[in-house]
Amino acid sequence: MAVTVPSPDVSEARPRSRYLDLVEDHRVHSSLYTDPTVFDDEQRAIFDGWVYVAHESEVAEPGDYCLKTIGTQPVVVSRDGDGHVHVLMNRCSHLGNLLCHDPKGNSKTFRCPYHGWTFRNTGDLVGVPYKAGYGPDFDRGDFTLGRPGRVDSYRGFIFASMSPDVPDLREHLGNAAEAIDRLCELSPEGEIELNRGWLRHRTFSNWKIAFENEVDGYHGNFVHRSLKMLGNWSLLDQADVTNEKSASQVRYLGNGHTDIDWRPQFRKVGHPYLWLGAPEESRLADYAEALATRHGPRNARERLIDGPPHTLIFPNLFIAELFILVIQPIGVGESVQMQTPIQWKGAPTLNKRVMRQTGASIGPAGMIIADDSAMYERNYLGMAAREPQWLQRTRGLYREQTMPDGTEVSNVTDDTPHRGFWRHYRSLLTGTNPDGPLKVGTGR
C-alpha cells in the first residue's frame, strides 16, 4: 500500500501573503487544489487547529482504542481504566515507529514491534528492554507518547488541536453546535453511537473538493438523477429540496462551518420522516412514542418533520443526516472519506431502517457516494487544464442575506457556504481577519 508522508513544514519559508492573491471575493485560483506546497501549508494552518477526531462511543469500554488521524498525522484514541479518554500520537517515542496497527481493539498497553518499548494506554512509558544500556540517568518519564496541544469533546464528539493556542472548543463550534444538539436530541436518550464500523472510500482528488460538494445544493438534481428514477417518490417529489424553487437554504455558520438546511421545505410539506424516505408512520410508532416521552408530543413531531442536520463542521466532520463522514486528506490529489451510519440510542427500529438506507447510499455499491466520488475526481482531473485558472463562486451574490446571529443565508442552489469557507480559509492561511475585505477580481 502506498503511503504519502507530508514534507517537512516550510510554510514559514513561503510568503503567507500569496493567499491574498489566490482567494478573492467571488472566485478562487485552481492552484489551491493542485499545488503540493498549498497542501503542506494547510496541514499547519488548518489541521493544527481544532479537528474532529473520534466519537466517545468508539472507545466505550476501559481499554478500548481506535486509530484515527489529525490531518495526515496518525493518532490513537484510547480509554484508560479510570474511564478517561486520551488522544495520543501513534509514534513510538524511541525511533518513531508506528506504534499501533489494528484499526481498533482493547488493550491496557501498546508495545512497539521494533524494539519492544511498551506504553500504557495513557501514553506513559512502562517497559524498556535492556534498560541498563541507556545508563543510570535514563528516565522513562521523558519518553511519554506525544499528544495534541488540546483535546475536548462536545456531546460525545471528540476534537483535538495540535496547537494549544486556540479558542475553546465551544467557541470554535459557534453556531454549528446547534447541529450537534439537534442530531443528539433525535434520540430518546439524547445520545448517538457510532458503533457499526467504518467504510473507507478513497478518491483521487483534493480534500477541499469533497468539503465543497457536501454543501453544494446545486448538483443534486443532476448528479443524483438516477436515484430519483428508481421508485415511487410521489411524496418526496413535493419536497424537492434541491430545486431552486424549494424553500431549502444554504447557510454559512461562521468559523468555516457550513450547512444545507432542508427544514424550511420539510416544514412546508409538513410530513414526518421525509429525511428518511417518508416511511409509513406506523412502522416507527415505538420510536415516535419514545421521542414524545422525552420532548412532549408537539416538540417531538416537529423534530420528526425537521430531521437531522446536513452540516459540515470545519475542516473535516460532515454530519450527513443518517451517517457521519470524516474527510481525511492524504495528499494534494488524494483523500479518503470515512463513513459510518448514525445509531440513535433508544431507537432500535429507527436504527434498523438507517442501516438499510445507508447501505444503499454509502455502502460499497451505494449510489450517492459513487455519484459524488466520480464528480470529485472529474473536478480534479479537469483542473489539469490550465485555463481558465479561476473557479467562480458568484451564484446567489445578489440574494444572500445575513441573519441577526451572523449566519449568512441564501437559496439552496447558491454559493454562500463556499464563499464563507474560502473567506475563513484565507484568514487561516494568512493570519488576517476573516471578515475583512477581500480582493475582487474581474478577469480570467
Protein backbone atom coordinates (compact mmCIF):
# COMPACT_ATOMS: atom_id res chain seq x y z
CA MET A 1 0.00 0.00 0.00
CA ALA A 2 1.39 3.37 -0.99
CA VAL A 3 1.84 5.80 1.88
CA THR A 4 2.09 9.54 1.46
CA VAL A 5 4.23 11.26 4.09
CA PRO A 6 3.90 15.05 4.19
CA SER A 7 7.04 17.02 3.51
CA PRO A 8 8.69 18.93 6.37
CA ASP A 9 6.92 22.16 7.23
CA VAL A 10 8.21 25.01 5.10
CA SER A 11 5.20 27.28 5.41
CA GLU A 12 7.24 29.97 7.14
CA ALA A 13 9.65 30.00 4.20
CA ARG A 14 6.87 30.90 1.76
CA PRO A 15 5.09 34.24 1.93
CA ARG A 16 1.68 33.78 3.52
CA SER A 17 0.54 36.85 1.64
CA ARG A 18 0.35 34.86 -1.58
CA TYR A 19 -3.02 33.53 -0.42
CA LEU A 20 -4.35 37.09 -0.53
CA ASP A 21 -3.98 36.85 -4.30
CA LEU A 22 -5.37 33.32 -4.62
CA VAL A 23 -8.66 33.79 -2.75
CA GLU A 24 -10.89 36.61 -3.93
CA ASP A 25 -14.40 37.67 -3.05
CA HIS A 26 -16.21 35.55 -5.63
CA ARG A 27 -13.57 33.25 -7.09
CA VAL A 28 -10.58 31.08 -6.10
CA HIS A 29 -7.48 30.08 -8.01
CA SER A 30 -7.38 26.44 -9.11
CA SER A 31 -3.79 26.02 -7.87
CA LEU A 32 -5.24 25.89 -4.35
CA TYR A 33 -6.44 22.38 -5.20
CA THR A 34 -3.43 21.14 -7.17
CA ASP A 35 -0.26 22.71 -5.70
CA PRO A 36 1.56 20.37 -3.25
CA THR A 37 3.03 23.34 -1.37
CA VAL A 38 -0.50 24.57 -0.65
CA PHE A 39 -1.37 21.16 0.78
CA ASP A 40 1.66 21.32 3.08
CA ASP A 41 0.72 24.82 4.24
CA GLU A 42 -2.79 23.62 5.07
CA GLN A 43 -1.51 20.93 7.42
CA ARG A 44 -0.10 23.64 9.70
CA ALA A 45 -2.56 26.48 9.16
CA ILE A 46 -5.75 24.38 9.24
CA PHE A 47 -5.17 20.89 10.61
CA ASP A 48 -3.10 22.07 13.57
CA GLY A 49 -6.26 23.80 14.81
CA TRP A 50 -9.46 22.13 16.06
CA VAL A 51 -10.12 18.93 14.10
CA TYR A 52 -12.74 16.25 14.71
CA VAL A 53 -11.03 13.01 15.77
CA ALA A 54 -13.48 10.40 17.05
CA HIS A 55 -16.70 9.74 18.95
CA GLU A 56 -16.65 8.59 22.56
CA SER A 57 -18.82 5.58 21.69
CA GLU A 58 -15.92 4.20 19.63
CA VAL A 59 -13.97 3.69 22.86
CA ALA A 60 -16.92 2.86 25.07
CA GLU A 61 -15.18 0.47 27.50
CA PRO A 62 -11.96 0.75 29.54
CA GLY A 63 -9.08 -0.45 27.39
CA ASP A 64 -10.83 0.31 24.09
CA TYR A 65 -8.81 2.12 21.46
CA CYS A 66 -9.14 3.09 17.80
CA LEU A 67 -6.83 4.58 15.21
CA LYS A 68 -7.59 7.98 13.70
CA THR A 69 -5.79 10.87 12.04
CA ILE A 70 -5.35 14.58 12.60
CA GLY A 71 -4.76 15.81 9.07
CA THR A 72 -2.03 13.45 7.88
CA GLN A 73 -0.81 12.61 11.40
CA PRO A 74 -1.73 9.20 12.86
CA VAL A 75 -3.17 9.11 16.39
CA VAL A 76 -4.56 6.57 18.83
CA VAL A 77 -7.74 7.35 20.77
CA SER A 78 -7.87 5.28 23.97
CA ARG A 79 -9.91 4.95 27.16
CA ASP A 80 -7.94 4.12 30.31
CA GLY A 81 -9.02 2.09 33.31
CA ASP A 82 -10.46 5.15 35.03
CA GLY A 83 -12.65 5.97 32.04
CA HIS A 84 -10.61 8.93 30.80
CA VAL A 85 -10.20 9.36 27.03
CA HIS A 86 -6.76 10.12 25.58
CA VAL A 87 -5.60 11.19 22.13
CA LEU A 88 -2.02 10.00 21.62
CA MET A 89 0.33 10.35 18.68
CA ASN A 90 0.73 6.95 17.02
CA ARG A 91 4.51 7.17 17.07
CA CYS A 92 6.91 5.37 19.38
CA SER A 93 9.00 7.90 21.31
CA HIS A 94 12.12 5.80 20.70
CA LEU A 95 12.71 5.82 16.93
CA GLY A 96 9.35 6.94 15.58
CA ASN A 97 7.94 3.56 14.59
CA LEU A 98 4.18 3.34 14.11
CA LEU A 99 3.07 2.03 17.50
CA CYS A 100 -0.42 0.61 16.78
CA HIS A 101 -1.57 -1.15 13.63
CA ASP A 102 -5.02 -2.65 14.26
CA PRO A 103 -7.86 -0.19 13.45
CA LYS A 104 -9.41 -0.88 16.87
CA GLY A 105 -9.04 -3.14 19.86
CA ASN A 106 -8.85 -3.38 23.62
CA SER A 107 -5.57 -3.28 25.49
CA LYS A 108 -4.08 -1.72 28.60
CA THR A 109 -0.73 -1.30 26.84
CA PHE A 110 0.79 -0.72 23.41
CA ARG A 111 4.06 -2.46 22.52
CA CYS A 112 6.27 -1.17 19.73
CA PRO A 113 7.09 -4.04 17.34
CA TYR A 114 10.56 -2.65 16.56
CA HIS A 115 12.40 -2.63 19.91
CA GLY A 116 9.69 -3.66 22.36
CA TRP A 117 9.14 -0.36 24.14
CA THR A 118 5.80 -0.62 25.94
CA PHE A 119 3.38 2.18 26.82
CA ARG A 120 0.23 2.30 28.90
CA ASN A 121 -2.93 3.40 27.11
CA THR A 122 -2.44 6.71 28.94
CA GLY A 123 0.76 7.31 26.95
CA ASP A 124 3.19 6.58 29.81
CA LEU A 125 6.29 4.51 29.01
CA VAL A 126 6.32 1.46 31.28
CA GLY A 127 8.69 -1.04 29.65
CA VAL A 128 12.13 -0.74 28.01
CA PRO A 129 14.01 -3.93 27.10
CA TYR A 130 17.67 -3.94 28.21
CA LYS A 131 17.13 -0.65 30.01
CA ALA A 132 20.63 -0.71 31.53
CA GLY A 133 22.07 0.13 28.13
CA TYR A 134 20.74 3.67 28.46
CA GLY A 135 22.70 4.37 31.64
CA PRO A 136 21.67 5.22 35.22
CA ASP A 137 20.14 8.59 34.35
CA PHE A 138 17.53 7.22 31.97
CA ASP A 139 14.06 8.48 32.96
CA ARG A 140 11.02 6.82 31.41
CA GLY A 141 9.04 9.97 32.17
CA ASP A 142 11.00 11.77 29.45
CA PHE A 143 9.61 9.44 26.78
CA THR A 144 5.84 9.54 27.11
CA LEU A 145 3.88 9.45 23.88
CA GLY A 146 3.23 12.76 22.18
CA ARG A 147 -0.23 14.24 22.34
CA PRO A 148 -2.10 17.21 20.83
CA GLY A 149 -1.95 20.60 22.48
CA ARG A 150 -5.63 20.46 23.41
CA VAL A 151 -8.38 17.83 23.49
CA ASP A 152 -12.04 18.45 24.27
CA SER A 153 -15.43 16.96 23.45
CA TYR A 154 -18.97 18.14 22.84
CA ARG A 155 -21.84 15.70 23.33
CA GLY A 156 -19.58 12.75 22.62
CA PHE A 157 -17.73 14.26 19.63
CA ILE A 158 -14.00 14.40 20.40
CA PHE A 159 -11.93 17.20 18.89
CA ALA A 160 -8.20 17.86 19.14
CA SER A 161 -5.87 20.70 18.27
CA MET A 162 -2.14 20.26 17.77
CA SER A 163 -1.70 23.85 18.83
CA PRO A 164 -2.57 24.79 22.43
CA ASP A 165 -3.15 28.37 21.32
CA VAL A 166 -6.72 28.06 20.05
CA PRO A 167 -10.09 29.30 21.33
CA ASP A 168 -12.17 26.96 23.48
CA LEU A 169 -13.94 24.23 21.53
CA ARG A 170 -17.38 25.67 22.22
CA GLU A 171 -16.26 29.00 20.78
CA HIS A 172 -14.84 27.24 17.72
CA LEU A 173 -18.12 25.38 17.14
CA GLY A 174 -20.15 28.57 17.45
CA ASN A 175 -23.47 28.28 15.61
CA ALA A 176 -22.57 24.75 14.45
CA ALA A 177 -23.06 23.40 17.98
CA GLU A 178 -26.80 23.58 17.34
CA ALA A 179 -26.41 20.93 14.63
CA ILE A 180 -24.83 18.51 17.09
CA ASP A 181 -27.57 19.26 19.62
CA ARG A 182 -30.25 18.70 17.02
CA LEU A 183 -28.67 15.41 15.98
CA CYS A 184 -28.44 14.07 19.53
CA GLU A 185 -31.93 15.20 20.51
CA LEU A 186 -33.43 12.90 17.87
CA SER A 187 -32.50 10.14 20.29
CA PRO A 188 -34.97 9.28 23.06
CA GLU A 189 -31.89 9.21 25.32
CA GLY A 190 -30.18 12.30 23.92
CA GLU A 191 -27.14 10.43 22.60
CA ILE A 192 -25.87 8.85 19.41
CA GLU A 193 -23.46 5.97 18.90
CA LEU A 194 -21.00 5.23 16.10
CA ASN A 195 -20.56 1.50 16.60
CA ARG A 196 -21.36 -0.07 13.22
CA GLY A 197 -17.90 0.08 11.67
CA TRP A 198 -16.40 2.41 9.10
CA LEU A 199 -16.23 2.32 5.31
CA ARG A 200 -13.25 3.90 3.58
CA HIS A 201 -13.81 5.50 0.19
CA ARG A 202 -10.58 6.57 -1.47
CA THR A 203 -10.76 9.24 -4.16
CA PHE A 204 -8.06 10.81 -6.27
CA SER A 205 -8.99 14.41 -5.61
CA ASN A 206 -8.22 17.23 -3.21
CA TRP A 207 -9.94 17.18 0.19
CA LYS A 208 -11.48 20.62 -0.35
CA ILE A 209 -13.42 19.35 -3.37
CA ALA A 210 -15.21 16.88 -1.10
CA PHE A 211 -15.86 19.57 1.51
CA GLU A 212 -17.42 21.93 -1.02
CA ASN A 213 -19.53 19.20 -2.62
CA GLU A 214 -21.22 18.27 0.63
CA VAL A 215 -22.78 21.72 0.95
CA ASP A 216 -23.45 22.17 -2.75
CA GLY A 217 -27.22 22.15 -3.22
CA TYR A 218 -26.91 22.90 -6.92
CA HIS A 219 -25.80 19.46 -8.11
CA GLY A 220 -28.46 17.22 -6.57
CA ASN A 221 -30.93 17.04 -9.47
CA PHE A 222 -28.14 16.39 -11.96
CA VAL A 223 -25.54 14.17 -10.30
CA HIS A 224 -28.09 12.09 -8.35
CA ARG A 225 -30.78 11.97 -11.03
CA SER A 226 -30.62 8.18 -11.34
CA LEU A 227 -31.54 7.78 -7.68
CA LYS A 228 -34.86 9.54 -8.21
CA MET A 229 -35.68 7.25 -11.12
CA LEU A 230 -35.65 4.06 -9.03
CA GLY A 231 -39.05 4.10 -7.38
CA ASN A 232 -42.19 5.88 -6.23
CA TRP A 233 -41.17 9.30 -4.98
CA SER A 234 -44.63 10.88 -5.03
CA LEU A 235 -44.42 12.38 -1.56
CA LEU A 236 -40.75 13.21 -1.87
CA ASP A 237 -41.42 14.98 -5.16
CA GLN A 238 -43.39 17.53 -3.15
CA ALA A 239 -40.26 18.11 -1.09
CA ASP A 240 -37.84 18.51 -3.99
CA VAL A 241 -35.30 20.02 -1.64
CA THR A 242 -32.64 20.80 -4.26
CA ASN A 243 -34.87 22.64 -6.73
CA GLU A 244 -34.28 26.40 -6.96
CA LYS A 245 -37.96 26.94 -6.14
CA SER A 246 -37.57 24.93 -2.95
CA ALA A 247 -37.67 26.72 0.42
CA SER A 248 -34.46 24.92 1.42
CA GLN A 249 -31.46 27.10 2.18
CA VAL A 250 -27.68 27.01 2.26
CA ARG A 251 -26.03 28.66 5.24
CA TYR A 252 -22.59 29.82 6.28
CA LEU A 253 -22.43 29.47 10.07
CA GLY A 254 -19.06 31.11 10.73
CA ASN A 255 -15.60 29.70 11.60
CA GLY A 256 -15.62 27.69 8.37
CA HIS A 257 -18.78 25.72 9.30
CA THR A 258 -21.49 25.38 6.65
CA ASP A 259 -24.73 23.55 6.06
CA ILE A 260 -27.73 22.89 3.86
CA ASP A 261 -30.94 23.48 5.79
CA TRP A 262 -33.76 21.32 4.45
CA ARG A 263 -36.12 22.30 7.28
CA PRO A 264 -37.97 25.16 5.53
CA GLN A 265 -39.07 22.82 2.73
CA PHE A 266 -39.79 19.90 5.06
CA ARG A 267 -41.98 22.15 7.20
CA LYS A 268 -43.75 23.39 4.08
CA VAL A 269 -44.77 19.83 3.21
CA GLY A 270 -45.38 19.00 6.88
CA HIS A 271 -44.87 15.23 6.72
CA PRO A 272 -42.63 13.39 9.22
CA TYR A 273 -39.70 11.33 8.02
CA LEU A 274 -39.10 12.95 4.63
CA TRP A 275 -35.42 12.81 5.63
CA LEU A 276 -35.81 9.04 5.98
CA GLY A 277 -37.54 8.46 2.66
CA ALA A 278 -41.05 9.07 4.08
CA PRO A 279 -41.84 5.61 5.51
CA GLU A 280 -45.25 4.80 6.92
CA GLU A 281 -45.50 6.40 10.34
CA SER A 282 -46.90 3.22 11.87
CA ARG A 283 -43.61 1.42 11.25
CA LEU A 284 -41.82 3.82 13.59
CA ALA A 285 -44.59 4.30 16.13
CA ASP A 286 -42.45 2.98 19.01
CA TYR A 287 -39.68 5.45 18.18
CA ALA A 288 -42.11 8.38 17.92
CA GLU A 289 -43.65 7.44 21.27
CA ALA A 290 -40.23 7.27 22.94
CA LEU A 291 -39.26 10.64 21.47
CA ALA A 292 -42.53 12.16 22.67
CA THR A 293 -41.76 10.95 26.17
CA ARG A 294 -38.53 12.96 26.07
CA HIS A 295 -39.72 16.12 24.31
CA GLY A 296 -43.51 16.13 24.50
CA PRO A 297 -45.79 15.17 21.56
CA ARG A 298 -45.74 18.52 19.75
CA ASN A 299 -42.00 19.10 20.06
CA ALA A 300 -41.29 15.50 19.09
CA ARG A 301 -43.40 15.76 15.92
CA GLU A 302 -41.59 18.96 14.94
CA ARG A 303 -38.28 17.13 15.28
CA LEU A 304 -39.57 14.26 13.15
CA ILE A 305 -40.50 16.74 10.43
CA ASP A 306 -37.19 18.64 10.62
CA GLY A 307 -34.96 15.57 10.78
CA PRO A 308 -31.22 15.52 11.45
CA PRO A 309 -28.78 18.18 10.17
CA HIS A 310 -26.77 18.33 6.97
CA THR A 311 -23.81 20.21 8.42
CA LEU A 312 -20.07 20.40 7.78
CA ILE A 313 -18.01 21.28 10.83
CA PHE A 314 -14.72 22.73 9.63
CA PRO A 315 -12.47 21.22 8.49
CA ASN A 316 -13.36 17.52 8.37
CA LEU A 317 -16.62 16.47 10.06
CA PHE A 318 -19.76 16.05 7.95
CA ILE A 319 -22.98 15.26 9.81
CA ALA A 320 -24.83 13.87 6.82
CA GLU A 321 -28.29 13.29 8.30
CA LEU A 322 -28.15 9.48 8.57
CA PHE A 323 -24.40 8.98 8.61
CA ILE A 324 -21.15 10.60 9.66
CA LEU A 325 -18.49 11.32 7.06
CA VAL A 326 -14.95 12.30 8.01
CA ILE A 327 -12.71 13.83 5.34
CA GLN A 328 -9.12 12.62 5.62
CA PRO A 329 -6.52 14.40 3.46
CA ILE A 330 -3.81 12.06 2.19
CA GLY A 331 -2.01 14.19 -0.40
CA VAL A 332 -2.72 17.09 -2.68
CA GLY A 333 -4.58 14.80 -5.10
CA GLU A 334 -5.78 12.06 -2.80
CA SER A 335 -8.24 11.88 0.07
CA VAL A 336 -10.26 9.30 1.97
CA GLN A 337 -13.83 9.57 3.17
CA MET A 338 -14.50 7.62 6.36
CA GLN A 339 -18.22 6.90 6.73
CA THR A 340 -20.42 5.18 9.31
CA PRO A 341 -24.19 5.01 9.97
CA ILE A 342 -25.54 7.01 12.90
CA GLN A 343 -27.27 4.99 15.60
CA TRP A 344 -29.60 6.82 17.97
CA LYS A 345 -29.65 5.41 21.50
CA GLY A 346 -33.05 4.09 22.49
CA ALA A 347 -34.31 3.86 18.88
CA PRO A 348 -33.76 0.27 17.63
CA THR A 349 -36.48 0.38 14.95
CA LEU A 350 -35.14 3.63 13.52
CA ASN A 351 -31.59 2.28 13.59
CA LYS A 352 -32.52 -0.80 11.55
CA ARG A 353 -34.03 1.46 8.90
CA VAL A 354 -30.92 3.67 8.91
CA MET A 355 -28.64 0.68 8.42
CA ARG A 356 -30.58 -0.44 5.33
CA GLN A 357 -30.81 3.03 3.91
CA THR A 358 -27.17 3.99 4.39
CA GLY A 359 -26.10 0.73 2.79
CA ALA A 360 -27.87 1.86 -0.38
CA SER A 361 -26.28 5.31 -0.29
CA ILE A 362 -22.75 4.96 1.12
CA GLY A 363 -22.21 1.19 1.08
CA PRO A 364 -19.71 -0.50 -1.27
CA ALA A 365 -22.36 -0.41 -4.01
CA GLY A 366 -24.05 2.75 -2.75
CA MET A 367 -25.29 5.19 -5.36
CA ILE A 368 -24.78 8.54 -3.66
CA ILE A 369 -21.13 8.03 -2.72
CA ALA A 370 -20.40 6.66 -6.19
CA ASP A 371 -22.01 9.67 -7.87
CA ASP A 372 -20.21 12.19 -5.70
CA SER A 373 -16.83 10.47 -5.86
CA ALA A 374 -16.98 10.46 -9.65
CA MET A 375 -17.57 14.22 -9.56
CA TYR A 376 -14.66 14.77 -7.14
CA GLU A 377 -12.26 13.03 -9.46
CA ARG A 378 -13.62 14.71 -12.59
CA ASN A 379 -13.19 18.07 -10.89
CA TYR A 380 -9.60 17.31 -10.03
CA LEU A 381 -8.80 15.91 -13.46
CA GLY A 382 -10.37 18.93 -15.12
CA MET A 383 -8.01 21.23 -13.27
CA ALA A 384 -5.11 19.73 -15.20
CA ALA A 385 -6.23 22.06 -17.98
CA ARG A 386 -4.53 25.35 -17.16
CA GLU A 387 -7.24 27.65 -18.47
CA PRO A 388 -9.34 29.20 -17.17
CA GLN A 389 -7.31 29.45 -13.96
CA TRP A 390 -10.11 30.77 -11.73
CA LEU A 391 -13.12 28.92 -10.30
CA GLN A 392 -16.23 31.04 -9.92
CA ARG A 393 -18.18 31.39 -6.67
CA THR A 394 -20.69 34.02 -7.78
CA ARG A 395 -24.03 32.24 -7.60
CA GLY A 396 -26.53 33.96 -5.32
CA LEU A 397 -24.45 37.04 -4.52
CA TYR A 398 -27.41 39.33 -5.16
CA ARG A 399 -29.82 37.48 -2.87
CA GLU A 400 -27.61 36.46 0.04
CA GLN A 401 -28.76 37.68 3.47
CA THR A 402 -27.07 37.99 6.86
CA MET A 403 -29.20 36.99 9.86
CA PRO A 404 -29.04 38.68 13.31
CA ASP A 405 -26.79 35.88 14.64
CA GLY A 406 -24.32 36.43 11.79
CA THR A 407 -25.38 33.39 9.76
CA GLU A 408 -25.30 34.03 6.01
CA VAL A 409 -28.27 32.50 4.18
CA SER A 410 -29.34 32.07 0.58
CA ASN A 411 -31.19 29.82 -1.84
CA VAL A 412 -30.28 26.13 -1.67
CA THR A 413 -28.53 26.29 -5.08
CA ASP A 414 -26.27 29.24 -4.19
CA ASP A 415 -22.56 29.51 -3.37
CA THR A 416 -22.99 31.13 0.05
CA PRO A 417 -21.32 28.32 2.05
CA HIS A 418 -18.42 28.17 -0.40
CA ARG A 419 -17.74 31.88 -0.17
CA GLY A 420 -17.79 31.64 3.62
CA PHE A 421 -15.49 28.62 3.59
CA TRP A 422 -12.94 30.38 1.42
CA ARG A 423 -13.08 33.56 3.47
CA HIS A 424 -12.26 31.53 6.58
CA TYR A 425 -9.61 29.54 4.69
CA ARG A 426 -7.94 32.76 3.62
CA SER A 427 -7.88 34.06 7.17
CA LEU A 428 -6.15 30.92 8.45
CA LEU A 429 -3.57 30.79 5.68
CA THR A 430 -2.71 34.49 6.02
CA GLY A 431 -3.43 35.26 9.67
CA THR A 432 -5.82 38.05 8.70
CA ASN A 433 -9.33 38.98 9.84
CA PRO A 434 -11.84 36.55 8.26
CA ASP A 435 -14.40 39.33 8.00
CA GLY A 436 -12.02 41.80 6.42
CA PRO A 437 -12.30 42.96 2.82
CA LEU A 438 -11.33 40.58 0.06
CA LYS A 439 -9.73 41.47 -3.19
CA VAL A 440 -12.22 41.49 -6.06
CA GLY A 441 -11.03 40.28 -9.45
CA THR A 442 -12.65 40.72 -12.85
CA GLY A 443 -10.55 38.79 -15.37
CA ARG A 444 -9.84 35.14 -16.03
